[in-house]
């Protein structure tokens, strides 16, 4: 146990999880297509980075094959930990694009409406 507090009638316990669940394995509206030589990121997929000449070519193929409603690039910053964003970082040495995140049109309409 890392920390314990009593707040009113509640006991709050903060602890480390030895075997945490991967949040990408449940309840996601989006799919992450990622490529990195050291990290296993995103969701399982059948895309191969080597099948494309550039990110734009891959994006067009994903949009066609997956009936995409919204697609955004994913960038990773790797320095004393990793951070993922849909906008580029200012450090070209420790960051770069790793893939895309998208939501299918049918999923979007089902959950947000037309």
C-alpha atoms as a PDB file:
ATOM      1  CA  UNK A   1       0.000   0.000   0.000  1.00  0.00           C
ATOM      2  CA  UNK A   2       1.384   3.380  -1.016  1.00  0.00           C
ATOM      3  CA  UNK A   3      -1.004   5.649   0.805  1.00  0.00           C
ATOM      4  CA  UNK A   4      -4.217   5.569   2.839  1.00  0.00           C
ATOM      5  CA  UNK A   5      -6.577   8.433   3.700  1.00  0.00           C
ATOM      6  CA  UNK A   6      -9.827   8.785   5.549  1.00  0.00           C
ATOM      7  CA  UNK A   7     -12.165  11.263   3.874  1.00  0.00           C
ATOM      8  CA  UNK A   8     -15.456  11.577   5.696  1.00  0.00           C
ATOM      9  CA  UNK A   9     -16.954   8.085   5.931  1.00  0.00           C
ATOM     10  CA  UNK A  10     -14.641   6.692   3.237  1.00  0.00           C
ATOM     11  CA  UNK A  11     -11.260   4.998   3.471  1.00  0.00           C
ATOM     12  CA  UNK A  12      -9.202   5.680   0.327  1.00  0.00           C
ATOM     13  CA  UNK A  13      -6.345   3.287  -0.420  1.00  0.00           C
ATOM     14  CA  UNK A  14      -3.777   4.019  -3.142  1.00  0.00           C
ATOM     15  CA  UNK A  15      -1.778   0.972  -4.174  1.00  0.00           C
ATOM     16  CA  UNK A  16       0.253  -0.424  -7.079  1.00  0.00           C
ATOM     17  CA  UNK A  17      -1.333  -2.980  -9.380  1.00  0.00           C
ATOM     18  CA  UNK A  18       0.969  -5.953  -9.944  1.00  0.00           C
ATOM     19  CA  UNK A  19      -0.814  -7.111 -13.113  1.00  0.00           C
ATOM     20  CA  UNK A  20      -2.726  -4.149 -14.546  1.00  0.00           C
ATOM     21  CA  UNK A  21      -5.135  -4.592 -17.437  1.00  0.00           C
ATOM     22  CA  UNK A  22      -4.295  -3.053 -20.778  1.00  0.00           C
ATOM     23  CA  UNK A  23      -6.929  -0.310 -21.240  1.00  0.00           C
ATOM     24  CA  UNK A  24      -6.754  -0.842 -25.025  1.00  0.00           C
ATOM     25  CA  UNK A  25      -8.375  -4.269 -24.524  1.00  0.00           C
ATOM     26  CA  UNK A  26     -11.797  -3.023 -23.388  1.00  0.00           C
ATOM     27  CA  UNK A  27     -14.344  -0.341 -24.202  1.00  0.00           C
ATOM     28  CA  UNK A  28     -12.504   1.602 -26.891  1.00  0.00           C
ATOM     29  CA  UNK A  29     -14.252   3.551 -29.610  1.00  0.00           C
ATOM     30  CA  UNK A  30     -10.997   4.094 -31.470  1.00  0.00           C
ATOM     31  CA  UNK A  31      -8.306   1.866 -32.909  1.00  0.00           C
ATOM     32  CA  UNK A  32      -4.600   2.653 -32.701  1.00  0.00           C
ATOM     33  CA  UNK A  33      -2.359   1.433 -35.526  1.00  0.00           C
ATOM     34  CA  UNK A  34       1.183   1.823 -34.180  1.00  0.00           C
ATOM     35  CA  UNK A  35       4.707   0.834 -35.179  1.00  0.00           C
ATOM     36  CA  UNK A  36       7.755   1.007 -32.918  1.00  0.00           C
ATOM     37  CA  UNK A  37      10.849  -1.173 -32.746  1.00  0.00           C
ATOM     38  CA  UNK A  38      11.081  -1.160 -28.930  1.00  0.00           C
ATOM     39  CA  UNK A  39       7.505  -0.776 -27.678  1.00  0.00           C
ATOM     40  CA  UNK A  40       4.320  -2.759 -28.241  1.00  0.00           C
ATOM     41  CA  UNK A  41       1.827   0.093 -28.627  1.00  0.00           C
ATOM     42  CA  UNK A  42      -1.751   0.431 -29.789  1.00  0.00           C
ATOM     43  CA  UNK A  43      -4.115  -2.332 -30.840  1.00  0.00           C
ATOM     44  CA  UNK A  44      -3.507  -5.592 -32.688  1.00  0.00           C
ATOM     45  CA  UNK A  45      -3.678  -5.105 -36.459  1.00  0.00           C
ATOM     46  CA  UNK A  46      -2.533  -6.636 -39.730  1.00  0.00           C
ATOM     47  CA  UNK A  47      -0.880  -3.554 -41.234  1.00  0.00           C
ATOM     48  CA  UNK A  48       2.841  -3.658 -42.039  1.00  0.00           C
ATOM     49  CA  UNK A  49       4.827  -0.432 -42.033  1.00  0.00           C
ATOM     50  CA  UNK A  50       7.082  -1.760 -44.811  1.00  0.00           C
ATOM     51  CA  UNK A  51       4.095  -2.088 -47.189  1.00  0.00           C
ATOM     52  CA  UNK A  52       3.909   1.717 -47.545  1.00  0.00           C
ATOM     53  CA  UNK A  53       6.228   4.372 -48.934  1.00  0.00           C
ATOM     54  CA  UNK A  54       5.132   7.050 -46.442  1.00  0.00           C
ATOM     55  CA  UNK A  55       2.588   7.905 -43.741  1.00  0.00           C
ATOM     56  CA  UNK A  56       0.219   9.581 -46.197  1.00  0.00           C
ATOM     57  CA  UNK A  57      -0.006   6.416 -48.302  1.00  0.00           C
ATOM     58  CA  UNK A  58      -0.754   4.364 -45.189  1.00  0.00           C
ATOM     59  CA  UNK A  59      -3.390   6.865 -44.033  1.00  0.00           C
ATOM     60  CA  UNK A  60      -5.203   6.670 -47.386  1.00  0.00           C
ATOM     61  CA  UNK A  61      -5.217   2.864 -47.245  1.00  0.00           C
ATOM     62  CA  UNK A  62      -6.511   2.783 -43.660  1.00  0.00           C
ATOM     63  CA  UNK A  63      -9.265   5.243 -44.570  1.00  0.00           C
ATOM     64  CA  UNK A  64     -10.328   3.100 -47.530  1.00  0.00           C
ATOM     65  CA  UNK A  65     -10.145  -0.298 -45.778  1.00  0.00           C
ATOM     66  CA  UNK A  66     -11.625   0.697 -42.411  1.00  0.00           C
ATOM     67  CA  UNK A  67     -14.446   3.089 -43.469  1.00  0.00           C
ATOM     68  CA  UNK A  68     -12.903   5.790 -41.274  1.00  0.00           C
ATOM     69  CA  UNK A  69     -14.934   8.680 -39.862  1.00  0.00           C
ATOM     70  CA  UNK A  70     -12.017  10.510 -38.209  1.00  0.00           C
ATOM     71  CA  UNK A  71      -8.300   9.684 -38.369  1.00  0.00           C
ATOM     72  CA  UNK A  72      -5.424  11.456 -36.628  1.00  0.00           C
ATOM     73  CA  UNK A  73      -1.672  10.858 -36.647  1.00  0.00           C
ATOM     74  CA  UNK A  74       0.010   9.558 -33.490  1.00  0.00           C
ATOM     75  CA  UNK A  75       3.361  10.898 -32.334  1.00  0.00           C
ATOM     76  CA  UNK A  76       5.592   9.513 -29.583  1.00  0.00           C
ATOM     77  CA  UNK A  77       8.027  11.413 -27.372  1.00  0.00           C
ATOM     78  CA  UNK A  78      10.523   9.052 -25.731  1.00  0.00           C
ATOM     79  CA  UNK A  79      12.651  10.636 -23.028  1.00  0.00           C
ATOM     80  CA  UNK A  80      12.632   9.332 -19.426  1.00  0.00           C
ATOM     81  CA  UNK A  81       9.255   7.746 -20.205  1.00  0.00           C
ATOM     82  CA  UNK A  82       6.973   7.892 -23.206  1.00  0.00           C
ATOM     83  CA  UNK A  83       4.192  10.282 -24.183  1.00  0.00           C
ATOM     84  CA  UNK A  84       1.801   9.867 -27.114  1.00  0.00           C
ATOM     85  CA  UNK A  85      -0.001  12.774 -28.772  1.00  0.00           C
ATOM     86  CA  UNK A  86      -1.980  13.565 -31.927  1.00  0.00           C
ATOM     87  CA  UNK A  87       0.197  16.625 -32.509  1.00  0.00           C
ATOM     88  CA  UNK A  88       3.965  16.614 -33.104  1.00  0.00           C
ATOM     89  CA  UNK A  89       6.450  17.320 -30.340  1.00  0.00           C
ATOM     90  CA  UNK A  90       9.146  19.993 -30.610  1.00  0.00           C
ATOM     91  CA  UNK A  91      12.048  17.567 -30.207  1.00  0.00           C
ATOM     92  CA  UNK A  92      12.912  15.851 -33.512  1.00  0.00           C
ATOM     93  CA  UNK A  93      15.613  13.693 -31.885  1.00  0.00           C
ATOM     94  CA  UNK A  94      13.389  12.018 -29.256  1.00  0.00           C
ATOM     95  CA  UNK A  95      10.043  12.076 -31.086  1.00  0.00           C
ATOM     96  CA  UNK A  96       8.312  11.172 -34.320  1.00  0.00           C
ATOM     97  CA  UNK A  97       5.192   9.693 -35.851  1.00  0.00           C
ATOM     98  CA  UNK A  98       4.379   6.123 -34.833  1.00  0.00           C
ATOM     99  CA  UNK A  99       1.044   5.582 -36.578  1.00  0.00           C
ATOM    100  CA  UNK A 100      -2.606   6.608 -36.507  1.00  0.00           C
ATOM    101  CA  UNK A 101      -5.685   6.548 -34.321  1.00  0.00           C
ATOM    102  CA  UNK A 102      -9.100   6.370 -35.965  1.00  0.00           C
ATOM    103  CA  UNK A 103     -12.783   5.790 -35.371  1.00  0.00           C
ATOM    104  CA  UNK A 104     -14.960   4.006 -37.908  1.00  0.00           C
ATOM    105  CA  UNK A 105     -17.970   5.874 -39.329  1.00  0.00           C
ATOM    106  CA  UNK A 106     -20.449   3.285 -38.023  1.00  0.00           C
ATOM    107  CA  UNK A 107     -18.980   3.470 -34.514  1.00  0.00           C
ATOM    108  CA  UNK A 108     -19.015   7.249 -34.613  1.00  0.00           C
ATOM    109  CA  UNK A 109     -22.668   7.458 -35.714  1.00  0.00           C
ATOM    110  CA  UNK A 110     -23.737   4.779 -33.208  1.00  0.00           C
ATOM    111  CA  UNK A 111     -22.137   6.603 -30.264  1.00  0.00           C
ATOM    112  CA  UNK A 112     -22.374  10.273 -31.257  1.00  0.00           C
ATOM    113  CA  UNK A 113     -25.213  10.411 -33.767  1.00  0.00           C
ATOM    114  CA  UNK A 114     -25.481  11.684 -37.317  1.00  0.00           C
END
